[in-house]
């Protein structure tokens, strides 16, 4: 009771790192992510590759979301939209259509977050390679260069490089840590960097010059990608406009002639027409999205 707090802290550290904890509190030195806080679900999810792919997708967003939370959020969002639409619209078919679309809402939101993070990462990645090259020219080792990038660069560069350093320090090989890095980020530029570094470690050569070459190529690809994005902006704007036009016209008609537009809601066939229209609009939006996407 009267033990000094520093002594208690030291005792906790000794117990923690000497294996004194119960089995469920054991430390994973490779920092493997848990798919669920429930042990049974976690062990079940680890057996199926699809949950590993979902976990990679969640890591690319940079958000601390487990696979179990993501899977739970999908039916919850659909059920909430279904209940809310049923309360206001009072039509089961239309509510089912809206609830079905709401099932994809968490995935769409996380994809947008992941794309924004990836775009920021790719914009800063050449600077990180330059910083690592400066470190190598100053006589530091590869690990010191990675550590310098982890300490000096902001999110999302810094935390990702910091995780590489931690994995290597805890016993994983450099090749495995770089493979995990490229899987987490999901960028072709990172794959180029990881492949170049692995090949250089096996064959030798001037790593600083190699990093400069990779950084130059990545900058050129990034500028070309932005140019393509600018040229395809008209197609994306056309898609957004075509999606919004039916809602804008419906809203304008409802304001100017409420009785004219009320047929869609009062007539028994109206909700089915709305539901089919929403499905066709979703298909058209997907087709337009694929048309303006250019893989580089």
Protein backbone atom coordinates (compact mmCIF):
# COMPACT_ATOMS: atom_id res chain seq x y z
CA UNK A 1 0.00 0.00 0.00
CA UNK A 2 2.83 2.34 0.91
CA UNK A 3 5.19 1.11 -1.83
CA UNK A 4 6.82 3.84 -3.89
CA UNK A 5 5.11 4.40 -7.26
CA UNK A 6 8.42 4.11 -9.13
CA UNK A 7 9.01 0.71 -7.54
CA UNK A 8 5.53 -0.43 -8.59
CA UNK A 9 6.20 0.79 -12.13
CA UNK A 10 9.47 -1.13 -12.31
CA UNK A 11 7.76 -4.23 -10.93
CA UNK A 12 5.03 -4.00 -13.57
CA UNK A 13 7.64 -3.70 -16.31
CA UNK A 14 9.54 -6.73 -15.02
CA UNK A 15 6.36 -8.81 -14.88
CA UNK A 16 5.27 -7.56 -18.32
CA UNK A 17 8.46 -8.45 -20.18
CA UNK A 18 9.31 -11.61 -18.23
CA UNK A 19 6.16 -13.47 -19.24
CA UNK A 20 4.32 -12.96 -15.97
CA UNK A 21 1.04 -11.97 -17.59
CA UNK A 22 -1.79 -14.33 -18.33
CA UNK A 23 -2.01 -15.85 -21.78
CA UNK A 24 -4.49 -13.30 -23.15
CA UNK A 25 -2.14 -10.48 -22.08
CA UNK A 26 0.98 -11.85 -23.76
CA UNK A 27 2.91 -9.39 -25.88
CA UNK A 28 3.14 -9.89 -29.61
CA UNK A 29 6.64 -8.71 -30.46
CA UNK A 30 5.80 -8.52 -34.18
CA UNK A 31 2.94 -6.05 -33.52
CA UNK A 32 0.38 -8.15 -35.35
CA UNK A 33 -2.97 -6.43 -35.52
CA UNK A 34 -5.95 -7.98 -33.81
CA UNK A 35 -8.98 -8.55 -35.99
CA UNK A 36 -11.25 -8.44 -32.94
CA UNK A 37 -10.98 -7.81 -29.21
CA UNK A 38 -12.91 -11.07 -28.72
CA UNK A 39 -10.41 -13.93 -28.70
CA UNK A 40 -12.71 -16.46 -30.40
CA UNK A 41 -13.56 -14.08 -33.26
CA UNK A 42 -9.93 -13.05 -33.62
CA UNK A 43 -8.74 -16.65 -33.98
CA UNK A 44 -11.60 -17.35 -36.42
CA UNK A 45 -10.87 -14.33 -38.62
CA UNK A 46 -7.16 -15.18 -38.79
CA UNK A 47 -7.96 -18.46 -40.58
CA UNK A 48 -9.61 -16.86 -43.63
CA UNK A 49 -7.65 -14.81 -46.22
CA UNK A 50 -10.59 -12.50 -46.92
CA UNK A 51 -10.33 -10.99 -43.43
CA UNK A 52 -6.61 -10.37 -43.97
CA UNK A 53 -7.48 -8.45 -47.15
CA UNK A 54 -10.06 -6.45 -45.23
CA UNK A 55 -7.44 -5.67 -42.59
CA UNK A 56 -5.00 -4.46 -45.27
CA UNK A 57 -7.75 -2.23 -46.64
CA UNK A 58 -8.38 -0.78 -43.16
CA UNK A 59 -4.66 -0.18 -42.60
CA UNK A 60 -4.50 1.83 -45.81
CA UNK A 61 -6.97 4.30 -44.33
CA UNK A 62 -4.70 5.05 -41.38
CA UNK A 63 -7.64 4.72 -38.99
CA UNK A 64 -7.58 2.51 -35.91
CA UNK A 65 -10.52 0.31 -36.93
CA UNK A 66 -10.59 -3.45 -36.43
CA UNK A 67 -12.04 -5.94 -38.89
CA UNK A 68 -14.82 -6.83 -36.45
CA UNK A 69 -15.90 -3.17 -36.09
CA UNK A 70 -15.91 -2.71 -39.85
CA UNK A 71 -17.97 -5.86 -40.44
CA UNK A 72 -20.40 -4.78 -37.72
CA UNK A 73 -20.75 -1.28 -39.15
CA UNK A 74 -21.96 -2.60 -42.52
CA UNK A 75 -25.28 -4.17 -41.40
CA UNK A 76 -25.76 -1.48 -38.75
CA UNK A 77 -25.65 1.31 -41.35
CA UNK A 78 -28.05 -0.60 -43.61
CA UNK A 79 -30.45 -1.28 -40.75
CA UNK A 80 -30.43 2.34 -39.57
CA UNK A 81 -31.16 3.71 -43.03
CA UNK A 82 -33.89 1.10 -43.51
CA UNK A 83 -35.58 2.01 -40.21
CA UNK A 84 -35.32 5.76 -40.80
CA UNK A 85 -36.61 5.51 -44.38
CA UNK A 86 -39.44 3.22 -43.25
CA UNK A 87 -40.48 5.77 -40.64
CA UNK A 88 -40.54 8.69 -43.11
CA UNK A 89 -41.39 7.04 -46.45
CA UNK A 90 -43.56 4.18 -45.17
CA UNK A 91 -42.82 1.95 -48.15
CA UNK A 92 -41.02 -1.34 -47.59
CA UNK A 93 -39.60 -1.76 -51.11
CA UNK A 94 -38.06 1.70 -51.29
CA UNK A 95 -36.74 1.35 -47.75
CA UNK A 96 -35.10 -1.95 -48.71
CA UNK A 97 -33.42 -0.30 -51.71
CA UNK A 98 -32.08 2.55 -49.59
CA UNK A 99 -30.99 0.13 -46.88
CA UNK A 100 -29.15 -2.00 -49.45
CA UNK A 101 -27.21 1.02 -50.72
CA UNK A 102 -26.43 1.99 -47.13
CA UNK A 103 -24.63 -1.33 -46.67
CA UNK A 104 -21.83 0.02 -48.87
CA UNK A 105 -21.65 3.37 -47.08
CA UNK A 106 -18.83 2.42 -44.61
CA UNK A 107 -16.76 0.96 -47.47
CA UNK A 108 -17.23 4.07 -49.61
CA UNK A 109 -16.29 6.41 -46.76
CA UNK A 110 -13.18 4.39 -45.90
CA UNK A 111 -12.17 4.23 -49.57
CA UNK A 112 -12.35 8.02 -49.81
CA UNK A 113 -10.28 8.36 -46.63
CA UNK A 114 -7.75 5.82 -47.90
CA UNK A 115 -7.41 7.55 -51.28
CA UNK A 116 -6.80 10.91 -49.62
CA UNK A 117 -4.15 9.38 -47.36
CA UNK A 118 -2.50 7.56 -50.28
CA UNK A 119 -2.44 10.75 -52.33
CA UNK A 120 -0.75 12.60 -49.47
CA UNK A 121 1.69 9.72 -48.97
CA UNK A 122 2.72 9.60 -52.63
CA UNK A 123 3.21 13.37 -52.71
CA UNK A 124 5.62 13.24 -49.72
CA UNK A 125 7.30 9.93 -50.51
CA UNK A 126 9.99 11.34 -52.86
CA UNK A 127 11.05 13.78 -50.13
CA UNK A 128 11.38 10.85 -47.74
CA UNK A 129 13.61 9.04 -50.22
CA UNK A 130 15.73 12.17 -50.62
CA UNK A 131 16.12 12.44 -46.85
CA UNK A 132 17.13 8.80 -46.66
CA UNK A 133 19.66 9.36 -49.46
CA UNK A 134 21.20 12.30 -47.57
CA UNK A 135 21.52 10.09 -44.52
CA UNK A 136 23.32 7.39 -46.50
CA UNK A 137 25.71 9.90 -48.05
CA UNK A 138 26.54 11.14 -44.55
CA UNK A 139 27.73 7.64 -43.67
CA UNK A 140 24.68 6.32 -41.83
CA UNK A 141 23.30 2.82 -42.24
CA UNK A 142 20.04 1.89 -43.95
CA UNK A 143 18.33 1.46 -40.58
CA UNK A 144 19.54 4.89 -39.48
CA UNK A 145 18.15 6.37 -42.68
CA UNK A 146 14.77 4.72 -42.09
CA UNK A 147 14.82 5.95 -38.49
CA UNK A 148 15.61 9.49 -39.62
CA UNK A 149 12.65 9.49 -42.01
CA UNK A 150 10.42 8.11 -39.24
CA UNK A 151 11.50 10.90 -36.87
CA UNK A 152 11.52 13.83 -39.28
CA UNK A 153 8.51 13.21 -41.55
CA UNK A 154 4.89 13.78 -40.56
CA UNK A 155 1.95 11.47 -40.97
CA UNK A 156 1.48 9.36 -43.06
CA UNK A 157 5.19 8.94 -43.92
CA UNK A 158 6.63 9.01 -40.41
CA UNK A 159 4.42 6.37 -38.75
CA UNK A 160 4.83 3.94 -41.65
CA UNK A 161 8.63 4.14 -41.62
CA UNK A 162 8.56 3.94 -37.83
CA UNK A 163 6.71 0.66 -38.10
CA UNK A 164 9.39 -0.70 -40.45
CA UNK A 165 12.06 0.15 -37.89
CA UNK A 166 10.06 -1.43 -35.06
CA UNK A 167 9.45 -4.65 -36.99
CA UNK A 168 13.14 -5.01 -37.85
CA UNK A 169 14.19 -4.22 -34.28
CA UNK A 170 11.83 -6.89 -32.98
CA UNK A 171 13.40 -9.57 -35.13
CA UNK A 172 11.72 -9.54 -38.51
CA UNK A 173 13.91 -9.56 -41.59
CA UNK A 174 14.25 -6.43 -43.70
CA UNK A 175 12.63 -8.14 -46.69
CA UNK A 176 9.57 -9.13 -44.65
CA UNK A 177 9.27 -5.67 -43.08
CA UNK A 178 9.43 -4.02 -46.53
CA UNK A 179 6.85 -6.46 -47.88
CA UNK A 180 4.52 -5.59 -45.00
CA UNK A 181 5.16 -1.91 -45.70
CA UNK A 182 4.14 -2.20 -49.35
CA UNK A 183 1.04 -4.23 -48.41
CA UNK A 184 -0.07 -1.67 -45.83
CA UNK A 185 0.32 1.36 -48.08
CA UNK A 186 -0.93 -0.25 -51.29
CA UNK A 187 1.06 1.98 -53.65
CA UNK A 188 3.06 1.02 -56.73
CA UNK A 189 5.67 3.61 -55.79
CA UNK A 190 6.25 1.88 -52.46
CA UNK A 191 6.56 -1.45 -54.26
CA UNK A 192 9.28 0.06 -56.49
CA UNK A 193 11.12 1.30 -53.41
CA UNK A 194 10.82 -2.02 -51.55
CA UNK A 195 11.91 -4.05 -54.58
CA UNK A 196 14.88 -1.75 -55.25
CA UNK A 197 16.04 -1.91 -51.65
CA UNK A 198 15.74 -5.71 -51.50
CA UNK A 199 17.64 -6.17 -54.78
CA UNK A 200 20.34 -3.72 -53.66
CA UNK A 201 20.83 -5.64 -50.41
CA UNK A 202 21.40 -8.83 -52.41
CA UNK A 203 23.54 -7.48 -55.27
CA UNK A 204 25.17 -4.40 -53.77
CA UNK A 205 25.66 -0.98 -55.36
CA UNK A 206 25.25 2.67 -54.51
CA UNK A 207 21.98 2.80 -52.60
CA UNK A 208 21.96 6.62 -52.38
CA UNK A 209 22.01 6.97 -56.17
CA UNK A 210 19.40 4.25 -56.48
CA UNK A 211 17.09 6.14 -54.10
CA UNK A 212 17.63 9.34 -56.09
CA UNK A 213 16.62 7.54 -59.29
CA UNK A 214 13.52 6.05 -57.66
CA UNK A 215 12.56 9.46 -56.23
CA UNK A 216 12.91 11.06 -59.68
CA UNK A 217 10.74 8.40 -61.32
CA UNK A 218 8.08 8.74 -58.60
CA UNK A 219 7.97 12.52 -59.00
CA UNK A 220 7.50 12.19 -62.76
CA UNK A 221 4.74 9.62 -62.29
CA UNK A 222 3.02 11.84 -59.74
CA UNK A 223 3.11 14.88 -62.07
CA UNK A 224 1.84 12.79 -64.99
CA UNK A 225 -0.95 11.36 -62.84
CA UNK A 226 -2.04 14.86 -61.80
CA UNK A 227 -2.02 15.94 -65.45
CA UNK A 228 -4.21 12.98 -66.39
CA UNK A 229 -6.51 13.79 -63.48
CA UNK A 230 -6.85 17.35 -64.75
CA UNK A 231 -7.65 16.19 -68.28
CA UNK A 232 -10.27 13.73 -67.01
CA UNK A 233 -11.90 16.31 -64.72
CA UNK A 234 -14.55 17.05 -67.37
CA UNK A 235 -15.70 13.43 -67.40
CA UNK A 236 -15.90 13.29 -63.60
CA UNK A 237 -17.83 16.55 -63.46
CA UNK A 238 -20.24 15.25 -66.11
CA UNK A 239 -20.83 12.15 -64.01
CA UNK A 240 -21.50 14.15 -60.86
CA UNK A 241 -23.84 16.48 -62.76
CA UNK A 242 -25.81 13.62 -64.33
CA UNK A 243 -26.25 12.05 -60.89
CA UNK A 244 -27.44 15.28 -59.29
CA UNK A 245 -29.82 16.40 -62.06
CA UNK A 246 -32.71 14.02 -61.17
CA UNK A 247 -32.57 15.08 -57.51
CA UNK A 248 -32.42 18.78 -58.42
CA UNK A 249 -35.35 18.52 -60.84
CA UNK A 250 -37.40 16.53 -58.33
CA UNK A 251 -36.72 19.10 -55.63
CA UNK A 252 -37.64 21.99 -57.92
CA UNK A 253 -40.89 20.30 -58.97
CA UNK A 254 -41.76 19.56 -55.37
CA UNK A 255 -41.28 23.23 -54.45
CA UNK A 256 -43.17 24.67 -57.42
CA UNK A 257 -45.90 22.03 -57.86
CA UNK A 258 -46.22 19.82 -54.77
CA UNK A 259 -49.37 18.16 -56.09
CA UNK A 260 -47.69 17.22 -59.37
CA UNK A 261 -44.67 15.54 -57.73
CA UNK A 262 -46.72 13.97 -54.92
CA UNK A 263 -47.88 11.26 -57.33
CA UNK A 264 -44.53 9.53 -56.88
CA UNK A 265 -45.19 9.20 -53.16
CA UNK A 266 -48.97 8.70 -53.06
CA UNK A 267 -49.41 6.31 -55.97
CA UNK A 268 -48.70 2.66 -55.01
CA UNK A 269 -46.44 2.21 -58.04
CA UNK A 270 -44.46 5.40 -57.32
CA UNK A 271 -42.03 3.99 -54.72
CA UNK A 272 -41.18 1.10 -57.03
CA UNK A 273 -40.39 3.57 -59.83
CA UNK A 274 -38.15 5.52 -57.46
CA UNK A 275 -36.39 2.34 -56.32
CA UNK A 276 -35.74 1.14 -59.88
CA UNK A 277 -34.53 4.62 -60.81
CA UNK A 278 -32.05 4.64 -57.90
CA UNK A 279 -30.72 1.23 -58.93
CA UNK A 280 -30.23 2.35 -62.55
CA UNK A 281 -28.55 5.57 -61.37
CA UNK A 282 -26.16 3.56 -59.20
CA UNK A 283 -25.24 1.35 -62.16
CA UNK A 284 -24.69 4.42 -64.37
CA UNK A 285 -22.56 6.11 -61.71
CA UNK A 286 -20.40 2.98 -61.43
CA UNK A 287 -19.93 2.81 -65.21
CA UNK A 288 -18.97 6.50 -65.43
CA UNK A 289 -16.56 6.06 -62.50
CA UNK A 290 -14.81 3.20 -64.29
CA UNK A 291 -14.64 5.16 -67.55
CA UNK A 292 -12.77 8.09 -66.01
CA UNK A 293 -10.40 5.93 -63.96
CA UNK A 294 -6.98 5.55 -65.60
CA UNK A 295 -4.51 3.14 -64.05
CA UNK A 296 -0.91 4.27 -64.29
